[in-house]
Amino acid sequence: ANLRYFWAGGHTMAAGRYRLERVLALPD
């Protein structure tokens, strides 16, 4: 969550989505 501007900063959008979706798949 803290790296939102890094994910949206024009370099790592797809990788950011992958990481975010992995985190959101965690149950707790």
mmCIF file of all heavy atoms, coordinates in Angstrom:
data_MODEL
# 
_entry.id   MODEL 
# 
loop_
_atom_site.group_PDB 
_atom_site.id 
_atom_site.type_symbol 
_atom_site.label_atom_id 
_atom_site.label_alt_id 
_atom_site.label_comp_id 
_atom_site.label_asym_id 
_atom_site.label_entity_id 
_atom_site.label_seq_id 
_atom_site.pdbx_PDB_ins_code 
_atom_site.Cartn_x 
_atom_site.Cartn_y 
_atom_site.Cartn_z 
_atom_site.occupancy 
_atom_site.B_iso_or_equiv 
_atom_site.pdbx_formal_charge 
_atom_site.auth_seq_id 
_atom_site.auth_comp_id 
_atom_site.auth_asym_id 
_atom_site.auth_atom_id 
_atom_site.pdbx_PDB_model_num 
ATOM 1   N N   . ALA A 1 1  ? 0.824  -1.214  0.000   1.00 0.00 ? 1  ALA A N   1 
ATOM 2   C CA  . ALA A 1 1  ? 0.000  0.000   0.000   1.00 0.00 ? 1  ALA A CA  1 
ATOM 3   C C   . ALA A 1 1  ? 0.855  1.261   0.000   1.00 0.00 ? 1  ALA A C   1 
ATOM 4   O O   . ALA A 1 1  ? 0.552  2.236   -0.695  1.00 0.00 ? 1  ALA A O   1 
ATOM 5   C CB  . ALA A 1 1  ? -0.931 -0.007  1.207   1.00 0.00 ? 1  ALA A CB  1 
ATOM 6   N N   . ASN A 1 2  ? 1.935  1.246   0.771   1.00 0.00 ? 2  ASN A N   1 
ATOM 7   C CA  . ASN A 1 2  ? 2.792  2.436   0.858   1.00 0.00 ? 2  ASN A CA  1 
ATOM 8   C C   . ASN A 1 2  ? 3.471  2.771   -0.457  1.00 0.00 ? 2  ASN A C   1 
ATOM 9   O O   . ASN A 1 2  ? 3.816  3.933   -0.715  1.00 0.00 ? 2  ASN A O   1 
ATOM 10  C CB  . ASN A 1 2  ? 3.866  2.238   1.934   1.00 0.00 ? 2  ASN A CB  1 
ATOM 11  C CG  . ASN A 1 2  ? 3.328  2.404   3.340   1.00 0.00 ? 2  ASN A CG  1 
ATOM 12  O OD1 . ASN A 1 2  ? 2.282  3.019   3.549   1.00 0.00 ? 2  ASN A OD1 1 
ATOM 13  N ND2 . ASN A 1 2  ? 4.035  1.854   4.313   1.00 0.00 ? 2  ASN A ND2 1 
ATOM 14  N N   . LEU A 1 3  ? 3.675  1.765   -1.298  1.00 0.00 ? 3  LEU A N   1 
ATOM 15  C CA  . LEU A 1 3  ? 4.394  1.978   -2.555  1.00 0.00 ? 3  LEU A CA  1 
ATOM 16  C C   . LEU A 1 3  ? 3.464  2.346   -3.708  1.00 0.00 ? 3  LEU A C   1 
ATOM 17  O O   . LEU A 1 3  ? 3.813  2.181   -4.871  1.00 0.00 ? 3  LEU A O   1 
ATOM 18  C CB  . LEU A 1 3  ? 5.197  0.724   -2.915  1.00 0.00 ? 3  LEU A CB  1 
ATOM 19  C CG  . LEU A 1 3  ? 6.402  0.440   -2.014  1.00 0.00 ? 3  LEU A CG  1 
ATOM 20  C CD1 . LEU A 1 3  ? 7.011  -0.909  -2.352  1.00 0.00 ? 3  LEU A CD1 1 
ATOM 21  C CD2 . LEU A 1 3  ? 7.449  1.532   -2.137  1.00 0.00 ? 3  LEU A CD2 1 
ATOM 22  N N   . ARG A 1 4  ? 2.298  2.897   -3.402  1.00 0.00 ? 4  ARG A N   1 
ATOM 23  C CA  . ARG A 1 4  ? 1.302  3.197   -4.457  1.00 0.00 ? 4  ARG A CA  1 
ATOM 24  C C   . ARG A 1 4  ? 1.865  4.084   -5.552  1.00 0.00 ? 4  ARG A C   1 
ATOM 25  O O   . ARG A 1 4  ? 1.572  3.885   -6.740  1.00 0.00 ? 4  ARG A O   1 
ATOM 26  C CB  . ARG A 1 4  ? 0.081  3.859   -3.816  1.00 0.00 ? 4  ARG A CB  1 
ATOM 27  C CG  . ARG A 1 4  ? 0.339  5.194   -3.146  1.00 0.00 ? 4  ARG A CG  1 
ATOM 28  C CD  . ARG A 1 4  ? -0.823 5.601   -2.258  1.00 0.00 ? 4  ARG A CD  1 
ATOM 29  N NE  . ARG A 1 4  ? -0.932 4.680   -1.117  1.00 0.00 ? 4  ARG A NE  1 
ATOM 30  C CZ  . ARG A 1 4  ? -1.983 4.646   -0.296  1.00 0.00 ? 4  ARG A CZ  1 
ATOM 31  N NH1 . ARG A 1 4  ? -3.003 5.455   -0.506  1.00 0.00 ? 4  ARG A NH1 1 
ATOM 32  N NH2 . ARG A 1 4  ? -2.004 3.813   0.714   1.00 0.00 ? 4  ARG A NH2 1 
ATOM 33  N N   . TYR A 1 5  ? 2.674  5.068   -5.199  1.00 0.00 ? 5  TYR A N   1 
ATOM 34  C CA  . TYR A 1 5  ? 3.196  5.976   -6.229  1.00 0.00 ? 5  TYR A CA  1 
ATOM 35  C C   . TYR A 1 5  ? 4.318  5.316   -7.024  1.00 0.00 ? 5  TYR A C   1 
ATOM 36  O O   . TYR A 1 5  ? 4.572  5.689   -8.174  1.00 0.00 ? 5  TYR A O   1 
ATOM 37  C CB  . TYR A 1 5  ? 3.667  7.274   -5.589  1.00 0.00 ? 5  TYR A CB  1 
ATOM 38  C CG  . TYR A 1 5  ? 2.542  7.994   -4.883  1.00 0.00 ? 5  TYR A CG  1 
ATOM 39  C CD1 . TYR A 1 5  ? 2.446  7.980   -3.491  1.00 0.00 ? 5  TYR A CD1 1 
ATOM 40  C CD2 . TYR A 1 5  ? 1.548  8.651   -5.606  1.00 0.00 ? 5  TYR A CD2 1 
ATOM 41  C CE1 . TYR A 1 5  ? 1.392  8.613   -2.839  1.00 0.00 ? 5  TYR A CE1 1 
ATOM 42  C CE2 . TYR A 1 5  ? 0.493  9.284   -4.968  1.00 0.00 ? 5  TYR A CE2 1 
ATOM 43  C CZ  . TYR A 1 5  ? 0.419  9.258   -3.582  1.00 0.00 ? 5  TYR A CZ  1 
ATOM 44  O OH  . TYR A 1 5  ? -0.632 9.870   -2.945  1.00 0.00 ? 5  TYR A OH  1 
ATOM 45  N N   . PHE A 1 6  ? 4.966  4.340   -6.433  1.00 0.00 ? 6  PHE A N   1 
ATOM 46  C CA  . PHE A 1 6  ? 5.955  3.548   -7.161  1.00 0.00 ? 6  PHE A CA  1 
ATOM 47  C C   . PHE A 1 6  ? 5.258  2.672   -8.195  1.00 0.00 ? 6  PHE A C   1 
ATOM 48  O O   . PHE A 1 6  ? 5.656  2.616   -9.358  1.00 0.00 ? 6  PHE A O   1 
ATOM 49  C CB  . PHE A 1 6  ? 6.744  2.691   -6.176  1.00 0.00 ? 6  PHE A CB  1 
ATOM 50  C CG  . PHE A 1 6  ? 7.693  1.706   -6.806  1.00 0.00 ? 6  PHE A CG  1 
ATOM 51  C CD1 . PHE A 1 6  ? 8.654  2.127   -7.708  1.00 0.00 ? 6  PHE A CD1 1 
ATOM 52  C CD2 . PHE A 1 6  ? 7.636  0.354   -6.491  1.00 0.00 ? 6  PHE A CD2 1 
ATOM 53  C CE1 . PHE A 1 6  ? 9.542  1.222   -8.283  1.00 0.00 ? 6  PHE A CE1 1 
ATOM 54  C CE2 . PHE A 1 6  ? 8.509  -0.551  -7.051  1.00 0.00 ? 6  PHE A CE2 1 
ATOM 55  C CZ  . PHE A 1 6  ? 9.464  -0.114  -7.953  1.00 0.00 ? 6  PHE A CZ  1 
ATOM 56  N N   . TRP A 1 7  ? 4.181  1.989   -7.780  1.00 0.00 ? 7  TRP A N   1 
ATOM 57  C CA  . TRP A 1 7  ? 3.456  1.143   -8.735  1.00 0.00 ? 7  TRP A CA  1 
ATOM 58  C C   . TRP A 1 7  ? 2.871  1.982   -9.866  1.00 0.00 ? 7  TRP A C   1 
ATOM 59  O O   . TRP A 1 7  ? 2.829  1.547   -11.016 1.00 0.00 ? 7  TRP A O   1 
ATOM 60  C CB  . TRP A 1 7  ? 2.317  0.395   -8.042  1.00 0.00 ? 7  TRP A CB  1 
ATOM 61  C CG  . TRP A 1 7  ? 2.666  -0.425  -6.839  1.00 0.00 ? 7  TRP A CG  1 
ATOM 62  C CD1 . TRP A 1 7  ? 2.004  -0.436  -5.643  1.00 0.00 ? 7  TRP A CD1 1 
ATOM 63  C CD2 . TRP A 1 7  ? 3.731  -1.388  -6.680  1.00 0.00 ? 7  TRP A CD2 1 
ATOM 64  N NE1 . TRP A 1 7  ? 2.582  -1.320  -4.763  1.00 0.00 ? 7  TRP A NE1 1 
ATOM 65  C CE2 . TRP A 1 7  ? 3.648  -1.920  -5.379  1.00 0.00 ? 7  TRP A CE2 1 
ATOM 66  C CE3 . TRP A 1 7  ? 4.745  -1.838  -7.510  1.00 0.00 ? 7  TRP A CE3 1 
ATOM 67  C CZ2 . TRP A 1 7  ? 4.529  -2.880  -4.885  1.00 0.00 ? 7  TRP A CZ2 1 
ATOM 68  C CZ3 . TRP A 1 7  ? 5.636  -2.785  -7.031  1.00 0.00 ? 7  TRP A CZ3 1 
ATOM 69  C CH2 . TRP A 1 7  ? 5.526  -3.299  -5.741  1.00 0.00 ? 7  TRP A CH2 1 
ATOM 70  N N   . ALA A 1 8  ? 2.409  3.186   -9.558  1.00 0.00 ? 8  ALA A N   1 
ATOM 71  C CA  . ALA A 1 8  ? 1.746  4.026   -10.563 1.00 0.00 ? 8  ALA A CA  1 
ATOM 72  C C   . ALA A 1 8  ? 2.697  4.998   -11.239 1.00 0.00 ? 8  ALA A C   1 
ATOM 73  O O   . ALA A 1 8  ? 2.265  5.823   -12.037 1.00 0.00 ? 8  ALA A O   1 
ATOM 74  C CB  . ALA A 1 8  ? 0.603  4.815   -9.910  1.00 0.00 ? 8  ALA A CB  1 
ATOM 75  N N   . GLY A 1 9  ? 3.983  4.895   -10.942 1.00 0.00 ? 9  GLY A N   1 
ATOM 76  C CA  . GLY A 1 9  ? 4.940  5.880   -11.430 1.00 0.00 ? 9  GLY A CA  1 
ATOM 77  C C   . GLY A 1 9  ? 5.510  5.600   -12.796 1.00 0.00 ? 9  GLY A C   1 
ATOM 78  O O   . GLY A 1 9  ? 6.527  6.186   -13.165 1.00 0.00 ? 9  GLY A O   1 
ATOM 79  N N   . GLY A 1 10 ? 4.900  4.684   -13.549 1.00 0.00 ? 10 GLY A N   1 
ATOM 80  C CA  . GLY A 1 10 ? 5.295  4.517   -14.940 1.00 0.00 ? 10 GLY A CA  1 
ATOM 81  C C   . GLY A 1 10 ? 6.302  3.425   -15.203 1.00 0.00 ? 10 GLY A C   1 
ATOM 82  O O   . GLY A 1 10 ? 6.795  3.300   -16.312 1.00 0.00 ? 10 GLY A O   1 
ATOM 83  N N   . HIS A 1 11 ? 6.625  2.587   -14.201 1.00 0.00 ? 11 HIS A N   1 
ATOM 84  C CA  . HIS A 1 11 ? 7.636  1.554   -14.438 1.00 0.00 ? 11 HIS A CA  1 
ATOM 85  C C   . HIS A 1 11 ? 7.153  0.148   -14.068 1.00 0.00 ? 11 HIS A C   1 
ATOM 86  O O   . HIS A 1 11 ? 7.535  -0.817  -14.722 1.00 0.00 ? 11 HIS A O   1 
ATOM 87  C CB  . HIS A 1 11 ? 8.912  1.851   -13.641 1.00 0.00 ? 11 HIS A CB  1 
ATOM 88  C CG  . HIS A 1 11 ? 9.785  2.883   -14.262 1.00 0.00 ? 11 HIS A CG  1 
ATOM 89  N ND1 . HIS A 1 11 ? 11.031 2.613   -14.776 1.00 0.00 ? 11 HIS A ND1 1 
ATOM 90  C CD2 . HIS A 1 11 ? 9.584  4.191   -14.482 1.00 0.00 ? 11 HIS A CD2 1 
ATOM 91  C CE1 . HIS A 1 11 ? 11.561 3.724   -15.278 1.00 0.00 ? 11 HIS A CE1 1 
ATOM 92  N NE2 . HIS A 1 11 ? 10.699 4.686   -15.099 1.00 0.00 ? 11 HIS A NE2 1 
ATOM 93  N N   . THR A 1 12 ? 6.372  0.006   -13.015 1.00 0.00 ? 12 THR A N   1 
ATOM 94  C CA  . THR A 1 12 ? 6.126  -1.319  -12.454 1.00 0.00 ? 12 THR A CA  1 
ATOM 95  C C   . THR A 1 12 ? 4.648  -1.575  -12.192 1.00 0.00 ? 12 THR A C   1 
ATOM 96  O O   . THR A 1 12 ? 4.284  -2.202  -11.203 1.00 0.00 ? 12 THR A O   1 
ATOM 97  C CB  . THR A 1 12 ? 6.910  -1.478  -11.140 1.00 0.00 ? 12 THR A CB  1 
ATOM 98  O OG1 . THR A 1 12 ? 6.595  -0.363  -10.282 1.00 0.00 ? 12 THR A OG1 1 
ATOM 99  C CG2 . THR A 1 12 ? 8.396  -1.515  -11.391 1.00 0.00 ? 12 THR A CG2 1 
ATOM 100 N N   . MET A 1 13 ? 3.776  -1.106  -13.068 1.00 0.00 ? 13 MET A N   1 
ATOM 101 C CA  . MET A 1 13 ? 2.346  -1.240  -12.845 1.00 0.00 ? 13 MET A CA  1 
ATOM 102 C C   . MET A 1 13 ? 1.911  -2.700  -12.799 1.00 0.00 ? 13 MET A C   1 
ATOM 103 O O   . MET A 1 13 ? 1.223  -3.125  -11.868 1.00 0.00 ? 13 MET A O   1 
ATOM 104 C CB  . MET A 1 13 ? 1.578  -0.503  -13.935 1.00 0.00 ? 13 MET A CB  1 
ATOM 105 C CG  . MET A 1 13 ? 0.095  -0.447  -13.689 1.00 0.00 ? 13 MET A CG  1 
ATOM 106 S SD  . MET A 1 13 ? -0.326 0.656   -12.338 1.00 0.00 ? 13 MET A SD  1 
ATOM 107 C CE  . MET A 1 13 ? -0.045 2.237   -13.141 1.00 0.00 ? 13 MET A CE  1 
ATOM 108 N N   . ALA A 1 14 ? 2.282  -3.484  -13.792 1.00 0.00 ? 14 ALA A N   1 
ATOM 109 C CA  . ALA A 1 14 ? 1.843  -4.877  -13.836 1.00 0.00 ? 14 ALA A CA  1 
ATOM 110 C C   . ALA A 1 14 ? 2.428  -5.671  -12.669 1.00 0.00 ? 14 ALA A C   1 
ATOM 111 O O   . ALA A 1 14 ? 1.740  -6.495  -12.059 1.00 0.00 ? 14 ALA A O   1 
ATOM 112 C CB  . ALA A 1 14 ? 2.232  -5.518  -15.167 1.00 0.00 ? 14 ALA A CB  1 
ATOM 113 N N   . ALA A 1 15 ? 3.702  -5.437  -12.355 1.00 0.00 ? 15 ALA A N   1 
ATOM 114 C CA  . ALA A 1 15 ? 4.305  -6.128  -11.214 1.00 0.00 ? 15 ALA A CA  1 
ATOM 115 C C   . ALA A 1 15 ? 3.619  -5.716  -9.921  1.00 0.00 ? 15 ALA A C   1 
ATOM 116 O O   . ALA A 1 15 ? 3.422  -6.531  -9.018  1.00 0.00 ? 15 ALA A O   1 
ATOM 117 C CB  . ALA A 1 15 ? 5.800  -5.817  -11.145 1.00 0.00 ? 15 ALA A CB  1 
ATOM 118 N N   . GLY A 1 16 ? 3.245  -4.437  -9.812  1.00 0.00 ? 16 GLY A N   1 
ATOM 119 C CA  . GLY A 1 16 ? 2.535  -3.977  -8.629  1.00 0.00 ? 16 GLY A CA  1 
ATOM 120 C C   . GLY A 1 16 ? 1.191  -4.670  -8.487  1.00 0.00 ? 16 GLY A C   1 
ATOM 121 O O   . GLY A 1 16 ? 0.798  -5.068  -7.381  1.00 0.00 ? 16 GLY A O   1 
ATOM 122 N N   . ARG A 1 17 ? 0.476  -4.815  -9.588  1.00 0.00 ? 17 ARG A N   1 
ATOM 123 C CA  . ARG A 1 17 ? -0.813 -5.514  -9.525  1.00 0.00 ? 17 ARG A CA  1 
ATOM 124 C C   . ARG A 1 17 ? -0.620 -6.946  -9.053  1.00 0.00 ? 17 ARG A C   1 
ATOM 125 O O   . ARG A 1 17 ? -1.392 -7.453  -8.213  1.00 0.00 ? 17 ARG A O   1 
ATOM 126 C CB  . ARG A 1 17 ? -1.484 -5.487  -10.888 1.00 0.00 ? 17 ARG A CB  1 
ATOM 127 C CG  . ARG A 1 17 ? -2.829 -6.208  -10.897 1.00 0.00 ? 17 ARG A CG  1 
ATOM 128 C CD  . ARG A 1 17 ? -3.556 -6.047  -12.223 1.00 0.00 ? 17 ARG A CD  1 
ATOM 129 N NE  . ARG A 1 17 ? -4.879 -6.666  -12.157 1.00 0.00 ? 17 ARG A NE  1 
ATOM 130 C CZ  . ARG A 1 17 ? -5.802 -6.542  -13.110 1.00 0.00 ? 17 ARG A CZ  1 
ATOM 131 N NH1 . ARG A 1 17 ? -5.539 -5.827  -14.186 1.00 0.00 ? 17 ARG A NH1 1 
ATOM 132 N NH2 . ARG A 1 17 ? -6.973 -7.132  -12.981 1.00 0.00 ? 17 ARG A NH2 1 
ATOM 133 N N   . TYR A 1 18 ? 0.392  -7.597  -9.562  1.00 0.00 ? 18 TYR A N   1 
ATOM 134 C CA  . TYR A 1 18 ? 0.676  -8.978  -9.164  1.00 0.00 ? 18 TYR A CA  1 
ATOM 135 C C   . TYR A 1 18 ? 0.933  -9.063  -7.664  1.00 0.00 ? 18 TYR A C   1 
ATOM 136 O O   . TYR A 1 18 ? 0.377  -9.930  -6.969  1.00 0.00 ? 18 TYR A O   1 
ATOM 137 C CB  . TYR A 1 18 ? 1.876  -9.487  -9.959  1.00 0.00 ? 18 TYR A CB  1 
ATOM 138 C CG  . TYR A 1 18 ? 2.426  -10.821 -9.515  1.00 0.00 ? 18 TYR A CG  1 
ATOM 139 C CD1 . TYR A 1 18 ? 1.698  -11.990 -9.710  1.00 0.00 ? 18 TYR A CD1 1 
ATOM 140 C CD2 . TYR A 1 18 ? 3.683  -10.908 -8.930  1.00 0.00 ? 18 TYR A CD2 1 
ATOM 141 C CE1 . TYR A 1 18 ? 2.213  -13.217 -9.316  1.00 0.00 ? 18 TYR A CE1 1 
ATOM 142 C CE2 . TYR A 1 18 ? 4.207  -12.128 -8.536  1.00 0.00 ? 18 TYR A CE2 1 
ATOM 143 C CZ  . TYR A 1 18 ? 3.467  -13.282 -8.722  1.00 0.00 ? 18 TYR A CZ  1 
ATOM 144 O OH  . TYR A 1 18 ? 3.972  -14.495 -8.334  1.00 0.00 ? 18 TYR A OH  1 
ATOM 145 N N   . ARG A 1 19 ? 1.744  -8.147  -7.131  1.00 0.00 ? 19 ARG A N   1 
ATOM 146 C CA  . ARG A 1 19 ? 2.054  -8.163  -5.698  1.00 0.00 ? 19 ARG A CA  1 
ATOM 147 C C   . ARG A 1 19 ? 0.813  -7.841  -4.872  1.00 0.00 ? 19 ARG A C   1 
ATOM 148 O O   . ARG A 1 19 ? 0.556  -8.461  -3.837  1.00 0.00 ? 19 ARG A O   1 
ATOM 149 C CB  . ARG A 1 19 ? 3.164  -7.155  -5.388  1.00 0.00 ? 19 ARG A CB  1 
ATOM 150 C CG  . ARG A 1 19 ? 4.468  -7.408  -6.114  1.00 0.00 ? 19 ARG A CG  1 
ATOM 151 C CD  . ARG A 1 19 ? 5.203  -8.599  -5.554  1.00 0.00 ? 19 ARG A CD  1 
ATOM 152 N NE  . ARG A 1 19 ? 6.205  -9.052  -6.516  1.00 0.00 ? 19 ARG A NE  1 
ATOM 153 C CZ  . ARG A 1 19 ? 6.833  -10.224 -6.462  1.00 0.00 ? 19 ARG A CZ  1 
ATOM 154 N NH1 . ARG A 1 19 ? 6.561  -11.048 -5.475  1.00 0.00 ? 19 ARG A NH1 1 
ATOM 155 N NH2 . ARG A 1 19 ? 7.703  -10.568 -7.362  1.00 0.00 ? 19 ARG A NH2 1 
ATOM 156 N N   . LEU A 1 20 ? 0.050  -6.856  -5.288  1.00 0.00 ? 20 LEU A N   1 
ATOM 157 C CA  . LEU A 1 20 ? -1.160 -6.482  -4.557  1.00 0.00 ? 20 LEU A CA  1 
ATOM 158 C C   . LEU A 1 20 ? -2.168 -7.632  -4.529  1.00 0.00 ? 20 LEU A C   1 
ATOM 159 O O   . LEU A 1 20 ? -2.788 -7.907  -3.489  1.00 0.00 ? 20 LEU A O   1 
ATOM 160 C CB  . LEU A 1 20 ? -1.791 -5.242  -5.189  1.00 0.00 ? 20 LEU A CB  1 
ATOM 161 C CG  . LEU A 1 20 ? -1.068 -3.921  -4.931  1.00 0.00 ? 20 LEU A CG  1 
ATOM 162 C CD1 . LEU A 1 20 ? -1.446 -2.885  -5.982  1.00 0.00 ? 20 LEU A CD1 1 
ATOM 163 C CD2 . LEU A 1 20 ? -1.387 -3.406  -3.527  1.00 0.00 ? 20 LEU A CD2 1 
ATOM 164 N N   . GLU A 1 21 ? -2.328 -8.301  -5.645  1.00 0.00 ? 21 GLU A N   1 
ATOM 165 C CA  . GLU A 1 21 ? -3.283 -9.411  -5.689  1.00 0.00 ? 21 GLU A CA  1 
ATOM 166 C C   . GLU A 1 21 ? -2.816 -10.579 -4.829  1.00 0.00 ? 21 GLU A C   1 
ATOM 167 O O   . GLU A 1 21 ? -3.642 -11.280 -4.215  1.00 0.00 ? 21 GLU A O   1 
ATOM 168 C CB  . GLU A 1 21 ? -3.520 -9.842  -7.136  1.00 0.00 ? 21 GLU A CB  1 
ATOM 169 C CG  . GLU A 1 21 ? -4.336 -8.810  -7.923  1.00 0.00 ? 21 GLU A CG  1 
ATOM 170 C CD  . GLU A 1 21 ? -4.519 -9.170  -9.380  1.00 0.00 ? 21 GLU A CD  1 
ATOM 171 O OE1 . GLU A 1 21 ? -3.713 -9.978  -9.893  1.00 0.00 ? 21 GLU A OE1 1 
ATOM 172 O OE2 . GLU A 1 21 ? -5.457 -8.642  -10.008 1.00 0.00 ? 21 GLU A OE2 1 
ATOM 173 N N   . ARG A 1 22 ? -1.512 -10.798 -4.739  1.00 0.00 ? 22 ARG A N   1 
ATOM 174 C CA  . ARG A 1 22 ? -0.999 -11.846 -3.846  1.00 0.00 ? 22 ARG A CA  1 
ATOM 175 C C   . ARG A 1 22 ? -1.291 -11.495 -2.391  1.00 0.00 ? 22 ARG A C   1 
ATOM 176 O O   . ARG A 1 22 ? -1.671 -12.366 -1.591  1.00 0.00 ? 22 ARG A O   1 
ATOM 177 C CB  . ARG A 1 22 ? 0.507  -12.031 -4.044  1.00 0.00 ? 22 ARG A CB  1 
ATOM 178 C CG  . ARG A 1 22 ? 0.907  -12.734 -5.325  1.00 0.00 ? 22 ARG A CG  1 
ATOM 179 C CD  . ARG A 1 22 ? 2.389  -13.051 -5.349  1.00 0.00 ? 22 ARG A CD  1 
ATOM 180 N NE  . ARG A 1 22 ? 2.742  -14.042 -4.333  1.00 0.00 ? 22 ARG A NE  1 
ATOM 181 C CZ  . ARG A 1 22 ? 3.994  -14.339 -3.986  1.00 0.00 ? 22 ARG A CZ  1 
ATOM 182 N NH1 . ARG A 1 22 ? 5.001  -13.683 -4.548  1.00 0.00 ? 22 ARG A NH1 1 
ATOM 183 N NH2 . ARG A 1 22 ? 4.245  -15.245 -3.076  1.00 0.00 ? 22 ARG A NH2 1 
ATOM 184 N N   . VAL A 1 23 ? -1.108 -10.234 -2.033  1.00 0.00 ? 23 VAL A N   1 
ATOM 185 C CA  . VAL A 1 23 ? -1.392 -9.806  -0.665  1.00 0.00 ? 23 VAL A CA  1 
ATOM 186 C C   . VAL A 1 23 ? -2.883 -9.957  -0.368  1.00 0.00 ? 23 VAL A C   1 
ATOM 187 O O   . VAL A 1 23 ? -3.278 -10.461 0.696   1.00 0.00 ? 23 VAL A O   1 
ATOM 188 C CB  . VAL A 1 23 ? -0.942 -8.347  -0.456  1.00 0.00 ? 23 VAL A CB  1 
ATOM 189 C CG1 . VAL A 1 23 ? -1.551 -7.775  0.826   1.00 0.00 ? 23 VAL A CG1 1 
ATOM 190 C CG2 . VAL A 1 23 ? 0.581  -8.260  -0.402  1.00 0.00 ? 23 VAL A CG2 1 
ATOM 191 N N   . LEU A 1 24 ? -3.727 -9.535  -1.298  1.00 0.00 ? 24 LEU A N   1 
ATOM 192 C CA  . LEU A 1 24 ? -5.170 -9.583  -1.062  1.00 0.00 ? 24 LEU A CA  1 
ATOM 193 C C   . LEU A 1 24 ? -5.705 -11.011 -1.038  1.00 0.00 ? 24 LEU A C   1 
ATOM 194 O O   . LEU A 1 24 ? -6.820 -11.245 -0.561  1.00 0.00 ? 24 LEU A O   1 
ATOM 195 C CB  . LEU A 1 24 ? -5.889 -8.768  -2.139  1.00 0.00 ? 24 LEU A CB  1 
ATOM 196 C CG  . LEU A 1 24 ? -5.711 -7.251  -2.000  1.00 0.00 ? 24 LEU A CG  1 
ATOM 197 C CD1 . LEU A 1 24 ? -6.167 -6.529  -3.258  1.00 0.00 ? 24 LEU A CD1 1 
ATOM 198 C CD2 . LEU A 1 24 ? -6.461 -6.734  -0.778  1.00 0.00 ? 24 LEU A CD2 1 
ATOM 199 N N   . ALA A 1 25 ? -4.931 -11.966 -1.534  1.00 0.00 ? 25 ALA A N   1 
ATOM 200 C CA  . ALA A 1 25 ? -5.332 -13.375 -1.463  1.00 0.00 ? 25 ALA A CA  1 
ATOM 201 C C   . ALA A 1 25 ? -5.079 -13.967 -0.077  1.00 0.00 ? 25 ALA A C   1 
ATOM 202 O O   . ALA A 1 25 ? -5.575 -15.064 0.228   1.00 0.00 ? 25 ALA A O   1 
ATOM 203 C CB  . ALA A 1 25 ? -4.588 -14.183 -2.519  1.00 0.00 ? 25 ALA A CB  1 
ATOM 204 N N   . LEU A 1 26 ? -4.327 -13.261 0.772   1.00 0.00 ? 26 LEU A N   1 
ATOM 205 C CA  . LEU A 1 26 ? -4.062 -13.747 2.129   1.00 0.00 ? 26 LEU A CA  1 
ATOM 206 C C   . LEU A 1 26 ? -5.328 -13.622 2.969   1.00 0.00 ? 26 LEU A C   1 
ATOM 207 O O   . LEU A 1 26 ? -6.050 -12.628 2.876   1.00 0.00 ? 26 LEU A O   1 
ATOM 208 C CB  . LEU A 1 26 ? -2.922 -12.951 2.762   1.00 0.00 ? 26 LEU A CB  1 
ATOM 209 C CG  . LEU A 1 26 ? -1.565 -13.038 2.036   1.00 0.00 ? 26 LEU A CG  1 
ATOM 210 C CD1 . LEU A 1 26 ? -0.570 -12.052 2.649   1.00 0.00 ? 26 LEU A CD1 1 
ATOM 211 C CD2 . LEU A 1 26 ? -1.007 -14.460 2.104   1.00 0.00 ? 26 LEU A CD2 1 
ATOM 212 N N   . PRO A 1 27 ? -5.606 -14.595 3.828   1.00 0.00 ? 27 PRO A N   1 
ATOM 213 C CA  . PRO A 1 27 ? -6.895 -14.606 4.526   1.00 0.00 ? 27 PRO A CA  1 
ATOM 214 C C   . PRO A 1 27 ? -6.987 -13.698 5.745   1.00 0.00 ? 27 PRO A C   1 
ATOM 215 O O   . PRO A 1 27 ? -8.096 -13.416 6.212   1.00 0.00 ? 27 PRO A O   1 
ATOM 216 C CB  . PRO A 1 27 ? -7.030 -16.074 4.954   1.00 0.00 ? 27 PRO A CB  1 
ATOM 217 C CG  . PRO A 1 27 ? -5.619 -16.540 5.138   1.00 0.00 ? 27 PRO A CG  1 
ATOM 218 C CD  . PRO A 1 27 ? -4.815 -15.817 4.095   1.00 0.00 ? 27 PRO A CD  1 
ATOM 219 N N   . ASP A 1 28 ? -5.866 -13.250 6.279   1.00 0.00 ? 28 ASP A N   1 
ATOM 220 C CA  . ASP A 1 28 ? -5.908 -12.597 7.585   1.00 0.00 ? 28 ASP A CA  1 
ATOM 221 C C   . ASP A 1 28 ? -5.269 -11.210 7.611   1.00 0.00 ? 28 ASP A C   1 
ATOM 222 O O   . ASP A 1 28 ? -4.824 -10.744 8.661   1.00 0.00 ? 28 ASP A O   1 
ATOM 223 C CB  . ASP A 1 28 ? -5.227 -13.485 8.631   1.00 0.00 ? 28 ASP A CB  1 
ATOM 224 C CG  . ASP A 1 28 ? -3.790 -13.836 8.237   1.00 0.00 ? 28 ASP A CG  1 
ATOM 225 O OD1 . ASP A 1 28 ? -3.391 -13.523 7.092   1.00 0.00 ? 28 ASP A OD1 1 
ATOM 226 O OD2 . ASP A 1 28 ? -3.072 -14.428 9.063   1.00 0.00 ? 28 ASP A OD2 1 
# 
